[in-house]
Every structure is written in structure tokens, then in C-alpha cells.
Amino acid sequence: MPAKLETMFVVFGFMAAGVLTGWLLRRHRAGWTGKVTMALIWLLLLILGIEVGSDRRIVESLPTLGVEAAVIALVSLLGSCLAARLLWTVVRRRENASKKEGRG
């Protein structure tokens, strides 16, 4: 089996195990998962930065990436932030509406 295919099965296996675990524990309050997820995202970003910073070829080619790459990155970042804000607003409104209906 090719290494890429094997890696894909491992990734899907971990994801399936997480979904199954979440489904089995759905009745239990797991407020800590958001904090752990955020900490792991920050850790992955740090590791990615270390990886990029330690690769001499990437660091040397940074000036040649050009304005287009910076614009694409900036627009992607802004779009992600706007989409996250919109989603947050929609979720909060639905939560507030369901709370008001529940008090009735």
C-alpha cells in the first residue's frame, strides 16, 4: 500500500474514532474540548513557523513570492474572519431565540 494512501487511512481512522467518541460521550458536558483544540491549533501554528523558518530555501525565496501572494493571503484571512464573525452572529441569535422560546 502506498504511503500516502496509508496516511489517508490513518487520518480518517482518527477522525472516525473522534466522531465515535463524541457520539458516545454526547450526554456528558465536555467544555474543555474547545480550550484543548485552540491550544493544539496554536501549537501546530508554532511548529509550522519553526518548520518554515528552519528551511533555508523558503526563507531565501520569501522576497520573490511577490505582492500577489501577500494579497491572496490577506484576502483569505479577511474572508475567514468575516465568515467566522457571521457564523458566530447567526449561532448566537439562534441560541438567544431558543432561550426566549424556552422561557415562554
PDB file of N, CA and C in Angstrom:
ATOM      1  N   MET A   1       0.849  -1.177   0.000  1.00  0.00           N
ATOM      2  CA  MET A   1       0.000   0.000   0.000  1.00  0.00           C
ATOM      3  C   MET A   1       0.892   1.237   0.000  1.00  0.00           C
ATOM      4  N   PRO A   2       0.616   2.189  -0.890  1.00  0.00           N
ATOM      5  CA  PRO A   2       1.423   3.415  -0.930  1.00  0.00           C
ATOM      6  C   PRO A   2       1.323   4.186   0.389  1.00  0.00           C
ATOM      7  N   ALA A   3       2.399   4.902   0.704  1.00  0.00           N
ATOM      8  CA  ALA A   3       2.473   5.624   1.982  1.00  0.00           C
ATOM      9  C   ALA A   3       1.388   6.692   2.086  1.00  0.00           C
ATOM     10  N   LYS A   4       1.087   7.382   0.987  1.00  0.00           N
ATOM     11  CA  LYS A   4       0.067   8.430   1.019  1.00  0.00           C
ATOM     12  C   LYS A   4      -1.310   7.842   1.324  1.00  0.00           C
ATOM     13  N   LEU A   5      -1.609   6.705   0.730  1.00  0.00           N
ATOM     14  CA  LEU A   5      -2.892   6.057   0.971  1.00  0.00           C
ATOM     15  C   LEU A   5      -2.983   5.571   2.408  1.00  0.00           C
ATOM     16  N   GLU A   6      -1.890   5.045   2.915  1.00  0.00           N
ATOM     17  CA  GLU A   6      -1.850   4.591   4.299  1.00  0.00           C
ATOM     18  C   GLU A   6      -2.055   5.762   5.265  1.00  0.00           C
ATOM     19  N   THR A   7      -1.416   6.890   4.985  1.00  0.00           N
ATOM     20  CA  THR A   7      -1.579   8.081   5.814  1.00  0.00           C
ATOM     21  C   THR A   7      -3.021   8.563   5.786  1.00  0.00           C
ATOM     22  N   MET A   8      -3.649   8.517   4.608  1.00  0.00           N
ATOM     23  CA  MET A   8      -5.037   8.930   4.490  1.00  0.00           C
ATOM     24  C   MET A   8      -5.933   8.052   5.360  1.00  0.00           C
ATOM     25  N   PHE A   9      -5.697   6.743   5.367  1.00  0.00           N
ATOM     26  CA  PHE A   9      -6.495   5.849   6.199  1.00  0.00           C
ATOM     27  C   PHE A   9      -6.288   6.132   7.687  1.00  0.00           C
ATOM     28  N   VAL A  10      -5.071   6.465   8.072  1.00  0.00           N
ATOM     29  CA  VAL A  10      -4.794   6.808   9.468  1.00  0.00           C
ATOM     30  C   VAL A  10      -5.559   8.075   9.854  1.00  0.00           C
ATOM     31  N   VAL A  11      -5.520   9.090   8.986  1.00  0.00           N
ATOM     32  CA  VAL A  11      -6.232  10.342   9.261  1.00  0.00           C
ATOM     33  C   VAL A  11      -7.731  10.079   9.395  1.00  0.00           C
ATOM     34  N   PHE A  12      -8.305   9.357   8.437  1.00  0.00           N
ATOM     35  CA  PHE A  12      -9.739   9.055   8.511  1.00  0.00           C
ATOM     36  C   PHE A  12     -10.067   8.181   9.713  1.00  0.00           C
ATOM     37  N   GLY A  13      -9.168   7.289  10.075  1.00  0.00           N
ATOM     38  CA  GLY A  13      -9.369   6.447  11.256  1.00  0.00           C
ATOM     39  C   GLY A  13      -9.429   7.270  12.531  1.00  0.00           C
ATOM     40  N   PHE A  14      -8.514   8.229  12.660  1.00  0.00           N
ATOM     41  CA  PHE A  14      -8.527   9.108  13.835  1.00  0.00           C
ATOM     42  C   PHE A  14      -9.792   9.966  13.865  1.00  0.00           C
ATOM     43  N   MET A  15     -10.189  10.458  12.694  1.00  0.00           N
ATOM     44  CA  MET A  15     -11.395  11.286  12.641  1.00  0.00           C
ATOM     45  C   MET A  15     -12.625  10.445  13.010  1.00  0.00           C
ATOM     46  N   ALA A  16     -12.710   9.245  12.481  1.00  0.00           N
ATOM     47  CA  ALA A  16     -13.833   8.369  12.799  1.00  0.00           C
ATOM     48  C   ALA A  16     -13.842   8.016  14.286  1.00  0.00           C
ATOM     49  N   ALA A  17     -12.672   7.788  14.865  1.00  0.00           N
ATOM     50  CA  ALA A  17     -12.583   7.499  16.301  1.00  0.00           C
ATOM     51  C   ALA A  17     -13.045   8.698  17.116  1.00  0.00           C
ATOM     52  N   GLY A  18     -12.706   9.900  16.681  1.00  0.00           N
ATOM     53  CA  GLY A  18     -13.151  11.103  17.372  1.00  0.00           C
ATOM     54  C   GLY A  18     -14.652  11.287  17.287  1.00  0.00           C
ATOM     55  N   VAL A  19     -15.218  11.039  16.113  1.00  0.00           N
ATOM     56  CA  VAL A  19     -16.671  11.160  15.951  1.00  0.00           C
ATOM     57  C   VAL A  19     -17.375  10.129  16.825  1.00  0.00           C
ATOM     58  N   LEU A  20     -16.881   8.914  16.825  1.00  0.00           N
ATOM     59  CA  LEU A  20     -17.480   7.862  17.653  1.00  0.00           C
ATOM     60  C   LEU A  20     -17.379   8.204  19.137  1.00  0.00           C
ATOM     61  N   THR A  21     -16.226   8.699  19.561  1.00  0.00           N
ATOM     62  CA  THR A  21     -16.048   9.091  20.962  1.00  0.00           C
ATOM     63  C   THR A  21     -16.991  10.232  21.323  1.00  0.00           C
ATOM     64  N   GLY A  22     -17.092  11.222  20.453  1.00  0.00           N
ATOM     65  CA  GLY A  22     -18.016  12.332  20.694  1.00  0.00           C
ATOM     66  C   GLY A  22     -19.455  11.854  20.772  1.00  0.00           C
ATOM     67  N   TRP A  23     -19.821  10.917  19.923  1.00  0.00           N
ATOM     68  CA  TRP A  23     -21.180  10.404  19.923  1.00  0.00           C
ATOM     69  C   TRP A  23     -21.469   9.631  21.211  1.00  0.00           C
ATOM     70  N   LEU A  24     -20.490   8.843  21.652  1.00  0.00           N
ATOM     71  CA  LEU A  24     -20.676   8.067  22.888  1.00  0.00           C
ATOM     72  C   LEU A  24     -20.725   8.965  24.117  1.00  0.00           C
ATOM     73  N   LEU A  25     -20.007  10.083  24.088  1.00  0.00           N
ATOM     74  CA  LEU A  25     -19.942  10.978  25.241  1.00  0.00           C
ATOM     75  C   LEU A  25     -20.843  12.205  25.088  1.00  0.00           C
ATOM     76  N   ARG A  26     -21.781  12.173  24.158  1.00  0.00           N
ATOM     77  CA  ARG A  26     -22.599  13.351  23.858  1.00  0.00           C
ATOM     78  C   ARG A  26     -23.451  13.801  25.027  1.00  0.00           C
ATOM     79  N   ARG A  27     -23.753  12.932  25.962  1.00  0.00           N
ATOM     80  CA  ARG A  27     -24.574  13.309  27.112  1.00  0.00           C
ATOM     81  C   ARG A  27     -23.754  13.978  28.212  1.00  0.00           C
ATOM     82  N   HIS A  28     -22.444  13.881  28.121  1.00  0.00           N
ATOM     83  CA  HIS A  28     -21.561  14.479  29.116  1.00  0.00           C
ATOM     84  C   HIS A  28     -21.096  15.851  28.633  1.00  0.00           C
ATOM     85  N   ARG A  29     -21.005  16.768  29.553  1.00  0.00           N
ATOM     86  CA  ARG A  29     -20.536  18.121  29.222  1.00  0.00           C
ATOM     87  C   ARG A  29     -19.022  18.068  29.014  1.00  0.00           C
ATOM     88  N   ALA A  30     -18.585  18.483  27.846  1.00  0.00           N
ATOM     89  CA  ALA A  30     -17.152  18.461  27.520  1.00  0.00           C
ATOM     90  C   ALA A  30     -16.701  19.877  27.165  1.00  0.00           C
ATOM     91  N   GLY A  31     -16.781  20.780  28.132  1.00  0.00           N
ATOM     92  CA  GLY A  31     -16.415  22.169  27.898  1.00  0.00           C
ATOM     93  C   GLY A  31     -14.929  22.377  27.657  1.00  0.00           C
ATOM     94  N   TRP A  32     -14.130  21.431  28.029  1.00  0.00           N
ATOM     95  CA  TRP A  32     -12.679  21.552  27.896  1.00  0.00           C
ATOM     96  C   TRP A  32     -12.212  21.352  26.459  1.00  0.00           C
ATOM     97  N   THR A  33     -13.033  20.754  25.603  1.00  0.00           N
ATOM     98  CA  THR A  33     -12.572  20.425  24.256  1.00  0.00           C
ATOM     99  C   THR A  33     -12.215  21.663  23.436  1.00  0.00           C
ATOM    100  N   GLY A  34     -12.964  22.746  23.607  1.00  0.00           N
ATOM    101  CA  GLY A  34     -12.651  23.970  22.867  1.00  0.00           C
ATOM    102  C   GLY A  34     -11.300  24.534  23.247  1.00  0.00           C
ATOM    103  N   LYS A  35     -10.991  24.506  24.534  1.00  0.00           N
ATOM    104  CA  LYS A  35      -9.695  25.017  25.001  1.00  0.00           C
ATOM    105  C   LYS A  35      -8.548  24.148  24.496  1.00  0.00           C
ATOM    106  N   VAL A  36      -8.738  22.836  24.543  1.00  0.00           N
ATOM    107  CA  VAL A  36      -7.690  21.926  24.066  1.00  0.00           C
ATOM    108  C   VAL A  36      -7.484  22.103  22.563  1.00  0.00           C
ATOM    109  N   THR A  37      -8.582  22.218  21.818  1.00  0.00           N
ATOM    110  CA  THR A  37      -8.490  22.413  20.371  1.00  0.00           C
ATOM    111  C   THR A  37      -7.725  23.688  20.055  1.00  0.00           C
ATOM    112  N   MET A  38      -8.049  24.774  20.743  1.00  0.00           N
ATOM    113  CA  MET A  38      -7.376  26.049  20.481  1.00  0.00           C
ATOM    114  C   MET A  38      -5.888  25.947  20.831  1.00  0.00           C
ATOM    115  N   ALA A  39      -5.572  25.308  21.935  1.00  0.00           N
ATOM    116  CA  ALA A  39      -4.163  25.147  22.315  1.00  0.00           C
ATOM    117  C   ALA A  39      -3.412  24.330  21.269  1.00  0.00           C
ATOM    118  N   LEU A  40      -4.036  23.282  20.747  1.00  0.00           N
ATOM    119  CA  LEU A  40      -3.379  22.464  19.725  1.00  0.00           C
ATOM    120  C   LEU A  40      -3.218  23.228  18.408  1.00  0.00           C
ATOM    121  N   ILE A  41      -4.192  24.065  18.066  1.00  0.00           N
ATOM    122  CA  ILE A  41      -4.054  24.878  16.857  1.00  0.00           C
ATOM    123  C   ILE A  41      -2.873  25.830  16.997  1.00  0.00           C
ATOM    124  N   TRP A  42      -2.757  26.488  18.158  1.00  0.00           N
ATOM    125  CA  TRP A  42      -1.614  27.391  18.385  1.00  0.00           C
ATOM    126  C   TRP A  42      -0.301  26.619  18.317  1.00  0.00           C
ATOM    127  N   LEU A  43      -0.282  25.409  18.892  1.00  0.00           N
ATOM    128  CA  LEU A  43       0.929  24.590  18.856  1.00  0.00           C
ATOM    129  C   LEU A  43       1.279  24.204  17.419  1.00  0.00           C
ATOM    130  N   LEU A  44       0.282  23.823  16.630  1.00  0.00           N
ATOM    131  CA  LEU A  44       0.537  23.474  15.230  1.00  0.00           C
ATOM    132  C   LEU A  44       1.055  24.672  14.437  1.00  0.00           C
ATOM    133  N   LEU A  45       0.497  25.862  14.704  1.00  0.00           N
ATOM    134  CA  LEU A  45       0.994  27.060  14.028  1.00  0.00           C
ATOM    135  C   LEU A  45       2.440  27.354  14.405  1.00  0.00           C
ATOM    136  N   LEU A  46       2.772  27.167  15.675  1.00  0.00           N
ATOM    137  CA  LEU A  46       4.152  27.362  16.111  1.00  0.00           C
ATOM    138  C   LEU A  46       5.086  26.380  15.411  1.00  0.00           C
ATOM    139  N   ILE A  47       4.688  25.129  15.354  1.00  0.00           N
ATOM    140  CA  ILE A  47       5.514  24.106  14.700  1.00  0.00           C
ATOM    141  C   ILE A  47       5.658  24.405  13.210  1.00  0.00           C
ATOM    142  N   LEU A  48       4.574  24.858  12.577  1.00  0.00           N
ATOM    143  CA  LEU A  48       4.640  25.229  11.163  1.00  0.00           C
ATOM    144  C   LEU A  48       5.619  26.384  10.960  1.00  0.00           C
ATOM    145  N   GLY A  49       5.566  27.385  11.850  1.00  0.00           N
ATOM    146  CA  GLY A  49       6.505  28.503  11.770  1.00  0.00           C
ATOM    147  C   GLY A  49       7.945  28.052  11.937  1.00  0.00           C
ATOM    148  N   ILE A  50       8.179  27.143  12.863  1.00  0.00           N
ATOM    149  CA  ILE A  50       9.539  26.606  13.064  1.00  0.00           C
ATOM    150  C   ILE A  50      10.004  25.873  11.813  1.00  0.00           C
ATOM    151  N   GLU A  51       9.091  25.087  11.234  1.00  0.00           N
ATOM    152  CA  GLU A  51       9.426  24.338  10.017  1.00  0.00           C
ATOM    153  C   GLU A  51       9.783  25.284   8.870  1.00  0.00           C
ATOM    154  N   VAL A  52       8.975  26.310   8.673  1.00  0.00           N
ATOM    155  CA  VAL A  52       9.237  27.266   7.595  1.00  0.00           C
ATOM    156  C   VAL A  52      10.523  28.043   7.879  1.00  0.00           C
ATOM    157  N   GLY A  53      10.678  28.500   9.111  1.00  0.00           N
ATOM    158  CA  GLY A  53      11.863  29.286   9.463  1.00  0.00           C
ATOM    159  C   GLY A  53      13.162  28.504   9.371  1.00  0.00           C
ATOM    160  N   SER A  54      13.084  27.201   9.552  1.00  0.00           N
ATOM    161  CA  SER A  54      14.309  26.402   9.508  1.00  0.00           C
ATOM    162  C   SER A  54      14.677  25.945   8.095  1.00  0.00           C
ATOM    163  N   ASP A  55      13.779  26.129   7.146  1.00  0.00           N
ATOM    164  CA  ASP A  55      14.065  25.755   5.758  1.00  0.00           C
ATOM    165  C   ASP A  55      14.673  26.958   5.039  1.00  0.00           C
ATOM    166  N   ARG A  56      15.945  26.868   4.773  1.00  0.00           N
ATOM    167  CA  ARG A  56      16.677  27.987   4.196  1.00  0.00           C
ATOM    168  C   ARG A  56      16.143  28.397   2.828  1.00  0.00           C
ATOM    169  N   ARG A  57      15.733  27.418   2.033  1.00  0.00           N
ATOM    170  CA  ARG A  57      15.209  27.730   0.693  1.00  0.00           C
ATOM    171  C   ARG A  57      13.936  28.568   0.779  1.00  0.00           C
ATOM    172  N   ILE A  58      13.069  28.245   1.712  1.00  0.00           N
ATOM    173  CA  ILE A  58      11.821  29.006   1.851  1.00  0.00           C
ATOM    174  C   ILE A  58      12.117  30.420   2.316  1.00  0.00           C
ATOM    175  N   VAL A  59      12.978  30.554   3.313  1.00  0.00           N
ATOM    176  CA  VAL A  59      13.298  31.879   3.844  1.00  0.00           C
ATOM    177  C   VAL A  59      13.953  32.744   2.769  1.00  0.00           C
ATOM    178  N   GLU A  60      14.835  32.160   1.973  1.00  0.00           N
ATOM    179  CA  GLU A  60      15.502  32.920   0.914  1.00  0.00           C
ATOM    180  C   GLU A  60      14.547  33.307  -0.210  1.00  0.00           C
ATOM    181  N   SER A  61      13.493  32.518  -0.423  1.00  0.00           N
ATOM    182  CA  SER A  61      12.572  32.817  -1.524  1.00  0.00           C
ATOM    183  C   SER A  61      11.403  33.699  -1.097  1.00  0.00           C
ATOM    184  N   LEU A  62      11.313  34.046   0.167  1.00  0.00           N
ATOM    185  CA  LEU A  62      10.212  34.890   0.635  1.00  0.00           C
ATOM    186  C   LEU A  62      10.103  36.214  -0.114  1.00  0.00           C
ATOM    187  N   PRO A  63      11.216  36.923  -0.366  1.00  0.00           N
ATOM    188  CA  PRO A  63      11.085  38.199  -1.095  1.00  0.00           C
ATOM    189  C   PRO A  63      10.578  38.032  -2.523  1.00  0.00           C
ATOM    190  N   THR A  64      10.776  36.877  -3.136  1.00  0.00           N
ATOM    191  CA  THR A  64      10.371  36.679  -4.526  1.00  0.00           C
ATOM    192  C   THR A  64       8.938  36.179  -4.656  1.00  0.00           C
ATOM    193  N   LEU A  65       8.276  35.960  -3.556  1.00  0.00           N
ATOM    194  CA  LEU A  65       6.895  35.471  -3.641  1.00  0.00           C
ATOM    195  C   LEU A  65       5.969  36.514  -4.246  1.00  0.00           C
ATOM    196  N   GLY A  66       6.271  37.764  -4.025  1.00  0.00           N
ATOM    197  CA  GLY A  66       5.553  38.817  -4.703  1.00  0.00           C
ATOM    198  C   GLY A  66       4.341  39.344  -3.967  1.00  0.00           C
ATOM    199  N   VAL A  67       3.834  40.408  -4.491  1.00  0.00           N
ATOM    200  CA  VAL A  67       2.688  41.099  -3.916  1.00  0.00           C
ATOM    201  C   VAL A  67       1.430  40.247  -4.050  1.00  0.00           C
ATOM    202  N   GLU A  68       1.324  39.495  -5.135  1.00  0.00           N
ATOM    203  CA  GLU A  68       0.130  38.679  -5.351  1.00  0.00           C
ATOM    204  C   GLU A  68      -0.083  37.690  -4.217  1.00  0.00           C
ATOM    205  N   ALA A  69       0.968  37.049  -3.763  1.00  0.00           N
ATOM    206  CA  ALA A  69       0.847  36.081  -2.678  1.00  0.00           C
ATOM    207  C   ALA A  69       0.405  36.769  -1.392  1.00  0.00           C
ATOM    208  N   ALA A  70       0.929  37.951  -1.142  1.00  0.00           N
ATOM    209  CA  ALA A  70       0.533  38.696   0.053  1.00  0.00           C
ATOM    210  C   ALA A  70      -0.933  39.113  -0.021  1.00  0.00           C
ATOM    211  N   VAL A  71      -1.370  39.537  -1.198  1.00  0.00           N
ATOM    212  CA  VAL A  71      -2.771  39.938  -1.371  1.00  0.00           C
ATOM    213  C   VAL A  71      -3.692  38.737  -1.194  1.00  0.00           C
ATOM    214  N   ILE A  72      -3.338  37.618  -1.784  1.00  0.00           N
ATOM    215  CA  ILE A  72      -4.149  36.401  -1.637  1.00  0.00           C
ATOM    216  C   ILE A  72      -4.227  35.993  -0.175  1.00  0.00           C
ATOM    217  N   ALA A  73      -3.113  36.041   0.522  1.00  0.00           N
ATOM    218  CA  ALA A  73      -3.107  35.677   1.943  1.00  0.00           C
ATOM    219  C   ALA A  73      -3.973  36.630   2.760  1.00  0.00           C
ATOM    220  N   LEU A  74      -3.847  37.919   2.492  1.00  0.00           N
ATOM    221  CA  LEU A  74      -4.620  38.923   3.231  1.00  0.00           C
ATOM    222  C   LEU A  74      -6.119  38.779   2.972  1.00  0.00           C
ATOM    223  N   VAL A  75      -6.496  38.605   1.714  1.00  0.00           N
ATOM    224  CA  VAL A  75      -7.909  38.448   1.374  1.00  0.00           C
ATOM    225  C   VAL A  75      -8.463  37.163   1.976  1.00  0.00           C
ATOM    226  N   SER A  76      -7.684  36.102   1.953  1.00  0.00           N
ATOM    227  CA  SER A  76      -8.121  34.845   2.565  1.00  0.00           C
ATOM    228  C   SER A  76      -8.327  35.005   4.065  1.00  0.00           C
ATOM    229  N   LEU A  77      -7.413  35.678   4.701  1.00  0.00           N
ATOM    230  CA  LEU A  77      -7.519  35.916   6.141  1.00  0.00           C
ATOM    231  C   LEU A  77      -8.744  36.757   6.474  1.00  0.00           C
ATOM    232  N   LEU A  78      -8.935  37.836   5.742  1.00  0.00           N
ATOM    233  CA  LEU A  78     -10.102  38.696   5.982  1.00  0.00           C
ATOM    234  C   LEU A  78     -11.407  37.951   5.706  1.00  0.00           C
ATOM    235  N   GLY A  79     -11.445  37.181   4.641  1.00  0.00           N
ATOM    236  CA  GLY A  79     -12.637  36.399   4.330  1.00  0.00           C
ATOM    237  C   GLY A  79     -12.954  35.383   5.412  1.00  0.00           C
ATOM    238  N   SER A  80     -11.931  34.729   5.929  1.00  0.00           N
ATOM    239  CA  SER A  80     -12.133  33.767   7.009  1.00  0.00           C
ATOM    240  C   SER A  80     -12.645  34.443   8.273  1.00  0.00           C
ATOM    241  N   CYS A  81     -12.077  35.597   8.588  1.00  0.00           N
ATOM    242  CA  CYS A  81     -12.524  36.337   9.777  1.00  0.00           C
ATOM    243  C   CYS A  81     -13.963  36.798   9.627  1.00  0.00           C
ATOM    244  N   LEU A  82     -14.324  37.300   8.449  1.00  0.00           N
ATOM    245  CA  LEU A  82     -15.694  37.745   8.226  1.00  0.00           C
ATOM    246  C   LEU A  82     -16.678  36.581   8.282  1.00  0.00           C
ATOM    247  N   ALA A  83     -16.309  35.457   7.692  1.00  0.00           N
ATOM    248  CA  ALA A  83     -17.181  34.280   7.726  1.00  0.00           C
ATOM    249  C   ALA A  83     -17.343  33.766   9.152  1.00  0.00           C
ATOM    250  N   ALA A  84     -16.269  33.764   9.921  1.00  0.00           N
ATOM    251  CA  ALA A  84     -16.351  33.321  11.318  1.00  0.00           C
ATOM    252  C   ALA A  84     -17.234  34.258  12.125  1.00  0.00           C
ATOM    253  N   ARG A  85     -17.106  35.547  11.893  1.00  0.00           N
ATOM    254  CA  ARG A  85     -17.937  36.528  12.605  1.00  0.00           C
ATOM    255  C   ARG A  85     -19.410  36.351  12.245  1.00  0.00           C
ATOM    256  N   LEU A  86     -19.695  36.147  10.982  1.00  0.00           N
ATOM    257  CA  LEU A  86     -21.072  35.928  10.531  1.00  0.00           C
ATOM    258  C   LEU A  86     -21.644  34.659  11.164  1.00  0.00           C
ATOM    259  N   LEU A  87     -20.879  33.595  11.146  1.00  0.00           N
ATOM    260  CA  LEU A  87     -21.329  32.348  11.757  1.00  0.00           C
ATOM    261  C   LEU A  87     -21.576  32.531  13.245  1.00  0.00           C
ATOM    262  N   TRP A  88     -20.672  33.222  13.926  1.00  0.00           N
ATOM    263  CA  TRP A  88     -20.818  33.482  15.359  1.00  0.00           C
ATOM    264  C   TRP A  88     -22.110  34.251  15.639  1.00  0.00           C
ATOM    265  N   THR A  89     -22.386  35.268  14.818  1.00  0.00           N
ATOM    266  CA  THR A  89     -23.600  36.070  14.989  1.00  0.00           C
ATOM    267  C   THR A  89     -24.848  35.224  14.786  1.00  0.00           C
ATOM    268  N   VAL A  90     -24.864  34.405  13.757  1.00  0.00           N
ATOM    269  CA  VAL A  90     -26.025  33.552  13.472  1.00  0.00           C
ATOM    270  C   VAL A  90     -26.248  32.561  14.604  1.00  0.00           C
ATOM    271  N   VAL A  91     -25.194  31.936  15.080  1.00  0.00           N
ATOM    272  CA  VAL A  91     -25.317  30.954  16.160  1.00  0.00           C
ATOM    273  C   VAL A  91     -25.823  31.620  17.426  1.00  0.00           C
ATOM    274  N   ARG A  92     -25.296  32.779  17.764  1.00  0.00           N
ATOM    275  CA  ARG A  92     -25.741  33.497  18.966  1.00  0.00           C
ATOM    276  C   ARG A  92     -27.211  33.883  18.872  1.00  0.00           C
ATOM    277  N   ARG A  93     -27.635  34.359  17.705  1.00  0.00           N
ATOM    278  CA  ARG A  93     -29.045  34.739  17.535  1.00  0.00           C
ATOM    279  C   ARG A  93     -29.955  33.530  17.715  1.00  0.00           C
ATOM    280  N   ARG A  94     -29.559  32.406  17.164  1.00  0.00           N
ATOM    281  CA  ARG A  94     -30.371  31.192  17.303  1.00  0.00           C
ATOM    282  C   ARG A  94     -30.410  30.719  18.747  1.00  0.00           C
ATOM    283  N   GLU A  95     -29.268  30.807  19.432  1.00  0.00           N
ATOM    284  CA  GLU A  95     -29.243  30.424  20.849  1.00  0.00           C
ATOM    285  C   GLU A  95     -30.162  31.323  21.661  1.00  0.00           C
ATOM    286  N   ASN A  96     -30.087  32.628  21.423  1.00  0.00           N
ATOM    287  CA  ASN A  96     -30.933  33.574  22.159  1.00  0.00           C
ATOM    288  C   ASN A  96     -32.410  33.349  21.844  1.00  0.00           C
ATOM    289  N   ALA A  97     -32.735  33.074  20.587  1.00  0.00           N
ATOM    290  CA  ALA A  97     -34.129  32.827  20.206  1.00  0.00           C
ATOM    291  C   ALA A  97     -34.661  31.563  20.872  1.00  0.00           C
ATOM    292  N   SER A  98     -33.829  30.521  20.921  1.00  0.00           N
ATOM    293  CA  SER A  98     -34.284  29.274  21.534  1.00  0.00           C
ATOM    294  C   SER A  98     -34.418  29.425  23.049  1.00  0.00           C
ATOM    295  N   LYS A  99     -33.587  30.248  23.665  1.00  0.00           N
ATOM    296  CA  LYS A  99     -33.707  30.503  25.106  1.00  0.00           C
ATOM    297  C   LYS A  99     -34.995  31.259  25.409  1.00  0.00           C
ATOM    298  N   LYS A 100     -35.331  32.254  24.576  1.00  0.00           N
ATOM    299  CA  LYS A 100     -36.552  33.020  24.784  1.00  0.00           C
ATOM    300  C   LYS A 100     -37.786  32.147  24.605  1.00  0.00           C
ATOM    301  N   GLU A 101     -37.751  31.238  23.639  1.00  0.00           N
ATOM    302  CA  GLU A 101     -38.896  30.343  23.432  1.00  0.00           C
ATOM    303  C   GLU A 101     -39.036  29.373  24.583  1.00  0.00           C
ATOM    304  N   GLY A 102     -37.923  28.949  25.158  1.00  0.00           N
ATOM    305  CA  GLY A 102     -37.945  28.005  26.264  1.00  0.00           C
ATOM    306  C   GLY A 102     -38.488  28.598  27.542  1.00  0.00           C
ATOM    307  N   ARG A 103     -38.353  29.926  27.722  1.00  0.00           N
ATOM    308  CA  ARG A 103     -38.830  30.592  28.948  1.00  0.00           C
ATOM    309  C   ARG A 103     -40.337  30.766  28.933  1.00  0.00           C
ATOM    310  N   GLY A 104     -40.916  30.947  27.700  1.00  0.00           N
ATOM    311  CA  GLY A 104     -42.304  31.208  27.439  1.00  0.00           C
ATOM    312  C   GLY A 104     -43.184  31.119  28.568  1.00  0.00           C
TER     313      GLY A 104
END
